[in-house]
């Protein structure tokens, strides 16, 4: 499936999470994204991740044990994956390329897809 569509589905499902799960998930994902931005290689990312563990920082921020943060994050990610998989099973793609004005011309390389959920 299209990476952009998967990203949209993920964002949509994150918005549906209960507030406490959403805050924890977003906190850790935002920290991980910042580490990715700071690193040039996967090795550098792993070093930064070890030095500035998003889970450790979340543990202090949310005043919860590290093990609870890790457990909750695993549960949240499982829940999100299940929801996205379910939505993907229901996805139907309709190619409307030929319905566009001028789409039948040889010059047109664009395609239009309608995503309905």
C-alpha atoms as a PDB file:
ATOM      1  CA  UNK A   1       0.000   0.000   0.000  1.00  0.00           C
ATOM      2  CA  UNK A   2       1.056   3.565  -0.645  1.00  0.00           C
ATOM      3  CA  UNK A   3       3.358   5.007   2.068  1.00  0.00           C
ATOM      4  CA  UNK A   4       1.476   8.293   2.071  1.00  0.00           C
ATOM      5  CA  UNK A   5      -1.827   6.503   2.604  1.00  0.00           C
ATOM      6  CA  UNK A   6      -0.342   4.471   5.459  1.00  0.00           C
ATOM      7  CA  UNK A   7       0.884   7.684   7.065  1.00  0.00           C
ATOM      8  CA  UNK A   8      -2.604   9.204   6.780  1.00  0.00           C
ATOM      9  CA  UNK A   9      -4.210   6.099   8.258  1.00  0.00           C
ATOM     10  CA  UNK A  10      -1.758   6.130  11.159  1.00  0.00           C
ATOM     11  CA  UNK A  11      -2.422   9.801  11.923  1.00  0.00           C
ATOM     12  CA  UNK A  12      -6.141   9.162  11.755  1.00  0.00           C
ATOM     13  CA  UNK A  13      -5.917   6.246  14.191  1.00  0.00           C
ATOM     14  CA  UNK A  14      -3.626   8.126  16.594  1.00  0.00           C
ATOM     15  CA  UNK A  15      -6.272  10.868  16.814  1.00  0.00           C
ATOM     16  CA  UNK A  16      -8.801   8.255  17.937  1.00  0.00           C
ATOM     17  CA  UNK A  17      -6.685   7.042  20.861  1.00  0.00           C
ATOM     18  CA  UNK A  18      -7.728   7.943  24.405  1.00  0.00           C
ATOM     19  CA  UNK A  19      -6.000  11.148  25.518  1.00  0.00           C
ATOM     20  CA  UNK A  20      -3.506   9.472  27.885  1.00  0.00           C
ATOM     21  CA  UNK A  21      -2.371   6.973  25.224  1.00  0.00           C
ATOM     22  CA  UNK A  22      -2.235   9.676  22.570  1.00  0.00           C
ATOM     23  CA  UNK A  23      -0.040  11.928  24.741  1.00  0.00           C
ATOM     24  CA  UNK A  24       2.404   9.121  25.563  1.00  0.00           C
ATOM     25  CA  UNK A  25       2.596   7.870  21.986  1.00  0.00           C
ATOM     26  CA  UNK A  26       3.071  11.357  20.544  1.00  0.00           C
ATOM     27  CA  UNK A  27       5.676  12.263  23.180  1.00  0.00           C
ATOM     28  CA  UNK A  28       7.848   9.248  22.345  1.00  0.00           C
ATOM     29  CA  UNK A  29       7.359   9.462  18.567  1.00  0.00           C
ATOM     30  CA  UNK A  30       8.234  13.173  18.582  1.00  0.00           C
ATOM     31  CA  UNK A  31      11.414  12.457  20.551  1.00  0.00           C
ATOM     32  CA  UNK A  32      12.378   9.632  18.185  1.00  0.00           C
ATOM     33  CA  UNK A  33      11.776  11.917  15.195  1.00  0.00           C
ATOM     34  CA  UNK A  34      14.056  14.569  16.702  1.00  0.00           C
ATOM     35  CA  UNK A  35      16.794  11.963  17.162  1.00  0.00           C
ATOM     36  CA  UNK A  36      16.391  10.905  13.523  1.00  0.00           C
ATOM     37  CA  UNK A  37      16.743  14.537  12.417  1.00  0.00           C
ATOM     38  CA  UNK A  38      19.954  14.937  14.442  1.00  0.00           C
ATOM     39  CA  UNK A  39      21.602  11.786  13.116  1.00  0.00           C
ATOM     40  CA  UNK A  40      23.227  11.177   9.749  1.00  0.00           C
ATOM     41  CA  UNK A  41      23.516   7.396   9.943  1.00  0.00           C
ATOM     42  CA  UNK A  42      21.666   4.536  11.579  1.00  0.00           C
ATOM     43  CA  UNK A  43      24.651   3.984  13.874  1.00  0.00           C
ATOM     44  CA  UNK A  44      24.549   7.591  14.985  1.00  0.00           C
ATOM     45  CA  UNK A  45      20.805   7.282  15.598  1.00  0.00           C
ATOM     46  CA  UNK A  46      21.340   4.205  17.784  1.00  0.00           C
ATOM     47  CA  UNK A  47      23.990   6.053  19.797  1.00  0.00           C
ATOM     48  CA  UNK A  48      21.658   9.014  20.314  1.00  0.00           C
ATOM     49  CA  UNK A  49      18.764   6.696  21.120  1.00  0.00           C
ATOM     50  CA  UNK A  50      20.859   4.972  23.776  1.00  0.00           C
ATOM     51  CA  UNK A  51      22.137   8.239  25.233  1.00  0.00           C
ATOM     52  CA  UNK A  52      18.765  10.022  25.117  1.00  0.00           C
ATOM     53  CA  UNK A  53      16.287   7.174  25.452  1.00  0.00           C
ATOM     54  CA  UNK A  54      12.792   8.465  24.657  1.00  0.00           C
ATOM     55  CA  UNK A  55      11.398   5.794  26.967  1.00  0.00           C
ATOM     56  CA  UNK A  56      13.588   6.922  29.884  1.00  0.00           C
ATOM     57  CA  UNK A  57      12.676  10.555  29.313  1.00  0.00           C
ATOM     58  CA  UNK A  58       8.974   9.629  29.016  1.00  0.00           C
ATOM     59  CA  UNK A  59       9.306   7.661  32.245  1.00  0.00           C
ATOM     60  CA  UNK A  60      10.466  10.785  34.072  1.00  0.00           C
ATOM     61  CA  UNK A  61       8.044  13.096  32.254  1.00  0.00           C
ATOM     62  CA  UNK A  62       4.969  10.964  32.993  1.00  0.00           C
ATOM     63  CA  UNK A  63       6.278   9.850  36.405  1.00  0.00           C
ATOM     64  CA  UNK A  64       5.879   6.169  35.535  1.00  0.00           C
ATOM     65  CA  UNK A  65       8.267   3.217  35.702  1.00  0.00           C
ATOM     66  CA  UNK A  66      10.245   2.499  32.537  1.00  0.00           C
ATOM     67  CA  UNK A  67       8.688  -0.976  32.304  1.00  0.00           C
ATOM     68  CA  UNK A  68       5.187   0.521  32.354  1.00  0.00           C
ATOM     69  CA  UNK A  69       6.099   3.016  29.619  1.00  0.00           C
ATOM     70  CA  UNK A  70       7.508   0.209  27.450  1.00  0.00           C
ATOM     71  CA  UNK A  71       4.456  -1.992  28.083  1.00  0.00           C
ATOM     72  CA  UNK A  72       2.028   0.812  27.275  1.00  0.00           C
ATOM     73  CA  UNK A  73       3.917   1.760  24.119  1.00  0.00           C
ATOM     74  CA  UNK A  74       3.852  -1.854  22.923  1.00  0.00           C
ATOM     75  CA  UNK A  75       0.104  -2.029  23.600  1.00  0.00           C
ATOM     76  CA  UNK A  76      -0.516   1.262  21.793  1.00  0.00           C
ATOM     77  CA  UNK A  77       1.531   0.205  18.762  1.00  0.00           C
ATOM     78  CA  UNK A  78      -0.253  -3.173  18.629  1.00  0.00           C
ATOM     79  CA  UNK A  79      -3.613  -1.428  18.837  1.00  0.00           C
ATOM     80  CA  UNK A  80      -2.689   1.009  16.070  1.00  0.00           C
ATOM     81  CA  UNK A  81      -1.358  -1.780  13.837  1.00  0.00           C
ATOM     82  CA  UNK A  82      -4.542  -3.820  14.294  1.00  0.00           C
ATOM     83  CA  UNK A  83      -6.750  -0.835  13.481  1.00  0.00           C
ATOM     84  CA  UNK A  84      -4.713   0.051  10.395  1.00  0.00           C
ATOM     85  CA  UNK A  85      -4.693  -3.557   9.168  1.00  0.00           C
ATOM     86  CA  UNK A  86      -8.469  -3.671   9.553  1.00  0.00           C
ATOM     87  CA  UNK A  87      -8.893  -0.456   7.600  1.00  0.00           C
ATOM     88  CA  UNK A  88      -6.508  -1.710   4.898  1.00  0.00           C
ATOM     89  CA  UNK A  89      -8.618  -4.839   4.477  1.00  0.00           C
ATOM     90  CA  UNK A  90     -11.605  -2.595   3.810  1.00  0.00           C
ATOM     91  CA  UNK A  91      -9.858  -0.180   1.442  1.00  0.00           C
ATOM     92  CA  UNK A  92     -11.117  -0.036  -2.120  1.00  0.00           C
ATOM     93  CA  UNK A  93      -9.278   1.831  -4.853  1.00  0.00           C
ATOM     94  CA  UNK A  94     -11.206   3.289  -7.763  1.00  0.00           C
ATOM     95  CA  UNK A  95      -9.217   4.506 -10.745  1.00  0.00           C
ATOM     96  CA  UNK A  96     -10.961   7.616 -12.075  1.00  0.00           C
ATOM     97  CA  UNK A  97      -8.209   8.524 -14.507  1.00  0.00           C
ATOM     98  CA  UNK A  98     -10.398   8.051 -17.585  1.00  0.00           C
ATOM     99  CA  UNK A  99     -13.127  10.237 -16.091  1.00  0.00           C
ATOM    100  CA  UNK A 100     -10.892  13.292 -15.982  1.00  0.00           C
ATOM    101  CA  UNK A 101     -11.363  15.879 -18.686  1.00  0.00           C
ATOM    102  CA  UNK A 102      -8.632  15.264 -21.222  1.00  0.00           C
ATOM    103  CA  UNK A 103      -7.336  12.216 -19.386  1.00  0.00           C
ATOM    104  CA  UNK A 104      -7.661  10.113 -22.479  1.00  0.00           C
ATOM    105  CA  UNK A 105      -5.122  12.220 -24.349  1.00  0.00           C
ATOM    106  CA  UNK A 106      -1.680  10.781 -24.923  1.00  0.00           C
ATOM    107  CA  UNK A 107      -0.046  13.733 -23.143  1.00  0.00           C
ATOM    108  CA  UNK A 108      -1.675  13.080 -19.789  1.00  0.00           C
ATOM    109  CA  UNK A 109       0.469  11.021 -17.430  1.00  0.00           C
ATOM    110  CA  UNK A 110      -1.528  11.883 -14.325  1.00  0.00           C
ATOM    111  CA  UNK A 111      -3.836   9.478 -12.589  1.00  0.00           C
ATOM    112  CA  UNK A 112      -6.632  10.173 -10.155  1.00  0.00           C
ATOM    113  CA  UNK A 113      -7.575   7.675  -7.473  1.00  0.00           C
ATOM    114  CA  UNK A 114     -10.509   7.980  -5.150  1.00  0.00           C
ATOM    115  CA  UNK A 115      -9.963   6.535  -1.701  1.00  0.00           C
ATOM    116  CA  UNK A 116     -13.112   5.645   0.202  1.00  0.00           C
ATOM    117  CA  UNK A 117     -13.070   4.385   3.728  1.00  0.00           C
END
